[in-house]
């Protein structure tokens, strides 16, 4: 004689999201205490629908409210058990962090600036130039800028619409070439000394050539300092000294020249 089964199955939720969490999707695992004909699941106030374990809700689910997952089972005899429930809350969080991986030099003469941005967990990146509004952007992003000081900022926005703290990078564009002024010079029979001053920090290239056609290079120094001295020159000979400045941004100025002639021994 068959025994009727009137006991409904009990369901246990064995895994679910953290509470609270910033994840806007959710996955649940569950099992019953006996073989079942089917499981039925629902999220919040939605109707029960047939489901299997694991059950995923891709979302994005609402932020800042409590969510309720419910699951119940019907056994092979058709007994439908009470539902097991799981409650959790999704928090907006602080927003994703951003890293600026590639950027211009802090001092440059390039007016085209390109940035590479990393924003793990962000569904959108927003960029701002020189204090302007944050607008959606993609990486890499480039700007044409004028001479002067600039600041770039980038932030990530998560699926909840929360923007994280912006990453910032400041740099200066200098497109103005430097100048050099020859302050003084002293020429004797076989020596010559030149004092000069560049308009800004950087390097100065010094060259001394014979004043002939074509000119003959006596000495060329890619990086010289003032005062610049030359020895062993020919008596009574014409020379041309030139200095060219390069600033820290890489701008090269125009050459400044000074013609001189060494003295002849015994001649006043």
Protein backbone atom coordinates (compact mmCIF):
# COMPACT_ATOMS: atom_id res chain seq x y z
CA UNK A 1 0.00 0.00 0.00
CA UNK A 2 1.51 3.35 -1.09
CA UNK A 3 2.11 6.00 1.55
CA UNK A 4 0.99 9.49 0.65
CA UNK A 5 3.67 12.23 0.76
CA UNK A 6 2.19 15.34 2.37
CA UNK A 7 5.42 16.94 3.62
CA UNK A 8 6.58 19.93 1.61
CA UNK A 9 10.31 20.37 0.93
CA UNK A 10 12.41 22.90 2.78
CA UNK A 11 14.85 25.09 0.83
CA UNK A 12 18.13 26.52 2.14
CA UNK A 13 19.93 29.43 0.46
CA UNK A 14 23.58 28.42 0.63
CA UNK A 15 25.22 31.44 -1.04
CA UNK A 16 24.31 35.03 -1.86
CA UNK A 17 25.82 38.53 -2.13
CA UNK A 18 27.48 40.33 0.76
CA UNK A 19 25.30 42.61 2.86
CA UNK A 20 25.90 45.42 2.26
CA UNK A 21 27.60 45.37 -1.13
CA UNK A 22 28.43 47.70 -4.00
CA UNK A 23 27.80 44.98 -6.59
CA UNK A 24 24.71 45.76 -8.66
CA UNK A 25 24.12 42.16 -9.74
CA UNK A 26 23.41 39.17 -7.53
CA UNK A 27 23.82 35.38 -7.70
CA UNK A 28 22.20 32.86 -5.35
CA UNK A 29 22.78 29.17 -4.75
CA UNK A 30 20.22 27.00 -2.97
CA UNK A 31 19.24 23.39 -2.28
CA UNK A 32 16.31 21.40 -0.89
CA UNK A 33 16.18 18.64 1.73
CA UNK A 34 14.69 16.19 -0.78
CA UNK A 35 14.48 15.67 -4.54
CA UNK A 36 12.27 18.31 -6.09
CA UNK A 37 10.14 18.70 -9.16
CA UNK A 38 11.03 22.38 -9.55
CA UNK A 39 12.27 25.50 -7.83
CA UNK A 40 10.52 28.88 -8.04
CA UNK A 41 12.35 32.18 -7.43
CA UNK A 42 11.43 35.81 -7.22
CA UNK A 43 13.20 39.11 -6.60
CA UNK A 44 11.51 41.77 -4.48
CA UNK A 45 7.84 42.08 -5.51
CA UNK A 46 8.12 40.24 -8.81
CA UNK A 47 6.04 37.05 -9.28
CA UNK A 48 7.56 33.62 -8.65
CA UNK A 49 9.08 32.01 -11.74
CA UNK A 50 10.65 28.61 -12.25
CA UNK A 51 14.41 28.70 -11.71
CA UNK A 52 17.51 26.59 -11.08
CA UNK A 53 20.53 26.99 -8.84
CA UNK A 54 22.58 29.12 -9.29
CA UNK A 55 20.13 31.94 -10.05
CA UNK A 56 21.62 35.18 -11.35
CA UNK A 57 20.10 38.66 -11.54
CA UNK A 58 22.28 40.68 -13.88
CA UNK A 59 20.78 44.03 -12.93
CA UNK A 60 21.80 46.73 -12.53
CA UNK A 61 19.73 46.49 -9.36
CA UNK A 62 18.56 49.58 -7.51
CA UNK A 63 20.94 51.26 -5.10
CA UNK A 64 20.14 52.36 -1.57
CA UNK A 65 17.15 50.05 -0.97
CA UNK A 66 16.82 46.63 0.63
CA UNK A 67 16.34 43.76 -1.83
CA UNK A 68 14.66 40.44 -1.03
CA UNK A 69 15.31 37.16 -2.82
CA UNK A 70 12.83 34.32 -2.26
CA UNK A 71 12.97 30.71 -3.39
CA UNK A 72 10.64 27.76 -2.81
CA UNK A 73 10.42 24.20 -4.10
CA UNK A 74 7.77 21.63 -5.10
CA UNK A 75 8.67 18.00 -4.43
CA UNK A 76 7.96 15.02 -6.67
CA UNK A 77 4.54 14.61 -5.01
CA UNK A 78 3.63 18.19 -5.86
CA UNK A 79 3.93 19.58 -2.32
CA UNK A 80 4.93 23.26 -2.52
CA UNK A 81 6.99 24.41 0.43
CA UNK A 82 7.39 27.78 2.11
CA UNK A 83 9.90 30.16 0.61
CA UNK A 84 13.35 30.85 2.03
CA UNK A 85 14.38 34.50 1.87
CA UNK A 86 17.61 36.46 1.69
CA UNK A 87 17.79 40.23 2.32
CA UNK A 88 20.63 42.54 1.36
CA UNK A 89 21.31 46.19 0.50
CA UNK A 90 23.30 47.67 -2.37
CA UNK A 91 25.28 50.76 -1.41
CA UNK A 92 26.42 53.44 -3.83
CA UNK A 93 29.99 53.35 -2.51
CA UNK A 94 32.68 55.95 -3.04
CA UNK A 95 32.93 55.48 -6.79
CA UNK A 96 35.75 53.85 -8.78
CA UNK A 97 39.31 55.11 -8.59
CA UNK A 98 41.17 56.37 -11.66
CA UNK A 99 44.84 56.28 -12.63
CA UNK A 100 46.41 58.48 -15.32
CA UNK A 101 48.95 56.11 -16.87
CA UNK A 102 50.40 58.27 -19.66
CA UNK A 103 50.62 62.06 -19.87
CA UNK A 104 52.80 64.87 -21.29
CA UNK A 105 56.02 65.95 -19.62
CA UNK A 106 55.46 68.40 -16.79
CA UNK A 107 57.29 71.01 -18.90
CA UNK A 108 56.99 70.66 -22.65
CA UNK A 109 56.83 72.64 -25.87
CA UNK A 110 54.26 70.23 -27.32
CA UNK A 111 50.80 71.75 -27.74
CA UNK A 112 49.16 68.36 -28.30
CA UNK A 113 48.52 66.58 -24.99
CA UNK A 114 47.48 62.91 -24.85
CA UNK A 115 46.39 61.01 -21.75
CA UNK A 116 45.84 57.29 -21.11
CA UNK A 117 43.44 56.47 -18.28
CA UNK A 118 42.65 53.31 -16.30
CA UNK A 119 39.40 53.10 -14.31
CA UNK A 120 38.65 49.54 -13.12
CA UNK A 121 35.00 49.05 -12.23
CA UNK A 122 33.84 52.22 -13.99
CA UNK A 123 31.03 52.10 -16.52
CA UNK A 124 31.96 55.58 -17.73
CA UNK A 125 34.99 57.88 -17.65
CA UNK A 126 34.60 61.65 -17.41
CA UNK A 127 37.32 64.18 -18.22
CA UNK A 128 37.88 67.86 -17.51
CA UNK A 129 40.48 70.30 -18.88
CA UNK A 130 41.54 73.44 -17.02
CA UNK A 131 38.66 73.40 -14.56
CA UNK A 132 35.93 72.90 -17.14
CA UNK A 133 32.91 70.63 -16.77
CA UNK A 134 33.42 66.87 -16.60
CA UNK A 135 32.25 65.27 -19.85
CA UNK A 136 32.20 61.64 -20.96
CA UNK A 137 35.47 60.62 -22.58
CA UNK A 138 37.42 57.56 -23.62
CA UNK A 139 41.03 56.53 -23.24
CA UNK A 140 43.30 57.66 -24.79
CA UNK A 141 42.11 61.27 -25.07
CA UNK A 142 43.99 64.19 -26.68
CA UNK A 143 43.73 67.98 -26.45
CA UNK A 144 45.23 70.87 -28.39
CA UNK A 145 46.34 73.48 -25.85
CA UNK A 146 47.95 76.90 -25.85
CA UNK A 147 51.12 78.04 -24.14
CA UNK A 148 50.74 78.28 -20.37
CA UNK A 149 49.75 76.22 -17.34
CA UNK A 150 47.15 73.46 -17.68
CA UNK A 151 45.44 70.82 -15.56
CA UNK A 152 43.74 67.63 -16.70
CA UNK A 153 41.35 65.66 -14.48
CA UNK A 154 39.65 62.30 -14.99
CA UNK A 155 37.15 60.41 -12.85
CA UNK A 156 35.26 57.13 -13.06
CA UNK A 157 31.52 56.67 -12.65
CA UNK A 158 30.04 53.37 -11.46
CA UNK A 159 26.75 51.77 -12.50
CA UNK A 160 24.99 53.56 -9.66
CA UNK A 161 25.99 56.91 -11.13
CA UNK A 162 28.47 57.65 -8.35
CA UNK A 163 31.66 59.40 -9.45
CA UNK A 164 34.90 58.56 -7.71
CA UNK A 165 37.59 61.06 -6.73
CA UNK A 166 39.28 62.56 -9.79
CA UNK A 167 42.91 61.94 -10.68
CA UNK A 168 44.70 65.13 -11.74
CA UNK A 169 47.80 66.08 -13.72
CA UNK A 170 49.25 69.59 -14.09
CA UNK A 171 51.74 70.61 -16.75
CA UNK A 172 53.17 73.70 -18.47
CA UNK A 173 53.44 74.34 -22.19
CA UNK A 174 56.31 76.67 -23.18
CA UNK A 175 56.65 77.47 -26.87
CA UNK A 176 58.71 80.67 -26.57
CA UNK A 177 62.37 80.25 -27.62
CA UNK A 178 65.01 81.62 -25.23
CA UNK A 179 67.51 84.35 -26.06
CA UNK A 180 71.17 84.91 -25.20
CA UNK A 181 72.86 88.22 -24.52
CA UNK A 182 76.65 88.57 -24.86
CA UNK A 183 77.45 90.77 -21.88
CA UNK A 184 81.17 91.34 -22.56
CA UNK A 185 84.26 89.97 -24.28
CA UNK A 186 88.02 90.29 -23.81
CA UNK A 187 90.39 89.48 -26.68
CA UNK A 188 94.19 89.32 -26.48
CA UNK A 189 96.87 87.98 -28.80
CA UNK A 190 96.07 84.29 -28.44
CA UNK A 191 93.07 84.19 -26.08
CA UNK A 192 89.46 85.30 -26.05
CA UNK A 193 86.95 85.29 -23.20
CA UNK A 194 83.18 85.81 -23.65
CA UNK A 195 80.59 86.42 -20.96
CA UNK A 196 76.97 85.76 -21.85
CA UNK A 197 73.60 85.33 -20.17
CA UNK A 198 70.62 83.25 -21.38
CA UNK A 199 67.10 84.53 -20.75
CA UNK A 200 66.04 81.34 -18.90
CA UNK A 201 67.34 78.06 -17.55
CA UNK A 202 68.54 75.44 -19.99
CA UNK A 203 71.72 74.92 -22.01
CA UNK A 204 73.84 77.10 -24.28
CA UNK A 205 75.80 75.91 -27.31
CA UNK A 206 78.96 77.91 -27.99
CA UNK A 207 80.86 77.97 -31.27
CA UNK A 208 83.99 79.83 -32.35
CA UNK A 209 84.78 79.97 -36.06
CA UNK A 210 87.38 81.66 -38.22
CA UNK A 211 85.95 84.65 -40.05
CA UNK A 212 86.77 83.21 -43.45
CA UNK A 213 84.74 82.13 -46.45
CA UNK A 214 83.84 79.42 -45.81
CA UNK A 215 84.25 79.78 -42.04
CA UNK A 216 86.45 77.24 -40.28
CA UNK A 217 85.21 75.85 -37.00
CA UNK A 218 87.77 76.31 -34.23
CA UNK A 219 85.72 74.82 -31.40
CA UNK A 220 82.10 73.82 -30.83
CA UNK A 221 80.68 73.03 -27.39
CA UNK A 222 77.14 71.64 -27.10
CA UNK A 223 76.86 72.73 -23.48
CA UNK A 224 79.02 75.63 -22.31
CA UNK A 225 79.01 77.99 -19.35
CA UNK A 226 79.81 81.67 -18.97
CA UNK A 227 82.53 82.86 -19.08
CA UNK A 228 83.69 80.83 -22.08
CA UNK A 229 87.45 80.96 -22.74
CA UNK A 230 89.44 80.08 -25.86
CA UNK A 231 93.23 79.69 -25.87
CA UNK A 232 95.87 79.07 -28.50
CA UNK A 233 94.27 81.37 -31.07
CA UNK A 234 96.21 82.86 -33.96
CA UNK A 235 97.52 86.39 -33.60
CA UNK A 236 95.85 89.12 -35.61
CA UNK A 237 93.06 86.85 -36.79
CA UNK A 238 89.33 87.52 -37.08
CA UNK A 239 86.91 85.15 -35.35
CA UNK A 240 83.16 84.91 -34.84
CA UNK A 241 81.76 83.69 -31.51
CA UNK A 242 78.14 82.49 -31.46
CA UNK A 243 75.84 81.27 -28.68
CA UNK A 244 72.51 79.44 -29.02
CA UNK A 245 70.23 78.77 -26.03
CA UNK A 246 67.89 75.80 -25.54
CA UNK A 247 65.39 76.05 -22.68
CA UNK A 248 64.14 73.26 -20.42
CA UNK A 249 61.06 72.78 -22.62
CA UNK A 250 63.24 72.05 -25.66
CA UNK A 251 62.78 75.38 -27.46
CA UNK A 252 65.87 76.48 -29.42
CA UNK A 253 66.55 80.20 -29.77
CA UNK A 254 68.33 82.12 -32.49
CA UNK A 255 72.09 82.42 -32.48
CA UNK A 256 73.69 85.61 -31.21
CA UNK A 257 77.10 86.45 -32.71
CA UNK A 258 80.09 88.57 -31.84
CA UNK A 259 82.93 89.31 -34.26
CA UNK A 260 86.36 89.79 -32.70
CA UNK A 261 89.98 89.97 -33.83
CA UNK A 262 92.97 88.86 -31.82
CA UNK A 263 95.82 91.30 -31.35
CA UNK A 264 99.26 91.08 -32.92
CA UNK A 265 102.16 90.79 -30.54
CA UNK A 266 104.05 94.03 -30.14
CA UNK A 267 101.29 96.06 -31.76
CA UNK A 268 99.40 98.47 -29.50
